[in-house]
Amino acid sequence: MKRLRIEHQTAFAYQGDVSASYNEARMLPGSTDSQFVLSASLDIEPSTSVNQYVDYFGTRVTSFDILSPHAALTLTARSLVEVRPRPLEHTEITWEQLQREAARSVEIVEQLGQTARTKPHPEVAEIARSIAAQHDQPGQAAHAIAMAIGDAVEYVHGVTGVHSTGAEAWEARKGVCQDIAHIALGALREVGIPARYVSGYLHPIANAEVGVPVEGESHAWVEWFSGSWEGFDPTNNTEIGDRHVLVGRGRDYNDVPPVRGVYAGPFKSDMSVKVTITREA
């Protein structure tokens, strides 16, 4: 088990005064069976009142509006989380049993439908079907499919954008964790395996020194249902360990952006993001 301190700052600078803005932030982790949140807070500048709730998918949300003129907006999330590894545990379940079990739960069956971001490229669909045909159990097939996607797509910044789809990233065979997660989701759903998008953080150093802050970034991986929910990081082709901190879940990135909002004011704005992660224990 590791104890990780995370500071995530997102700042917006507007080209002139904004008269009003309305926002939602999904930047704070919640406690689960594999991570325990010791502390979590979100500072907003300009200061304002907030409303906190848990959304449909179980993600902590901070909503707020700023109704006085402002030329900048800064959100700083600070969290201290204890995390333990979450190794894969392939449940013995057949494809037919998975189909029946998924149909009994809205939470599960809704993660079977493709979205615009996850709809797979024909080549990805064929890869997924080919791998699935080689496995009697969907959990093992899911693992093999996720690894195949991770092997096929190179992690490269700047090739795709925040609005890119999995199919577009597949064409380039390059993308960031968001893109690789979308491709994997499309492949898994193509063969009838419910799968969901996970957002969070990953400490970039496996054996980091205690007390040494390092530059990090938001991260994304996937979870699939094969009798129980299992997580896997296709970007790094690794199981979810004690360096992964979960923040949110959804059908794709659209359900869990760190910040979403609208404002009345200048058309253009500049955004900067800084994430610092420190291993405390």
Foldseek 3Di string as FASTA:
>chain_A
DFKKKKKKKKKKFAPFKFQKKKKKFQAWFDDDPFKHWPDKDKQKPVDFDWDWDADPQGFIMIITMDRHIDRMMMIMMITIMFGFFFDDDFDDDFPVRLVVVQVVDPSQVVLLDADPQQQEDPVLQVVLVVLVVVDRALVVSLLVSLQVLLVQAAEDPDPDDPPHHLRVSNVVSYYHQQNSQSPSSNSSSSVPWRKKKWKWWFDPDPDDDAPDKDWTDIHIWMWTDRPHIATARSNVSGGGGRRTGTRGMGSGVVVHPRMDMDTGDHPDMDMDMTMIMGTND
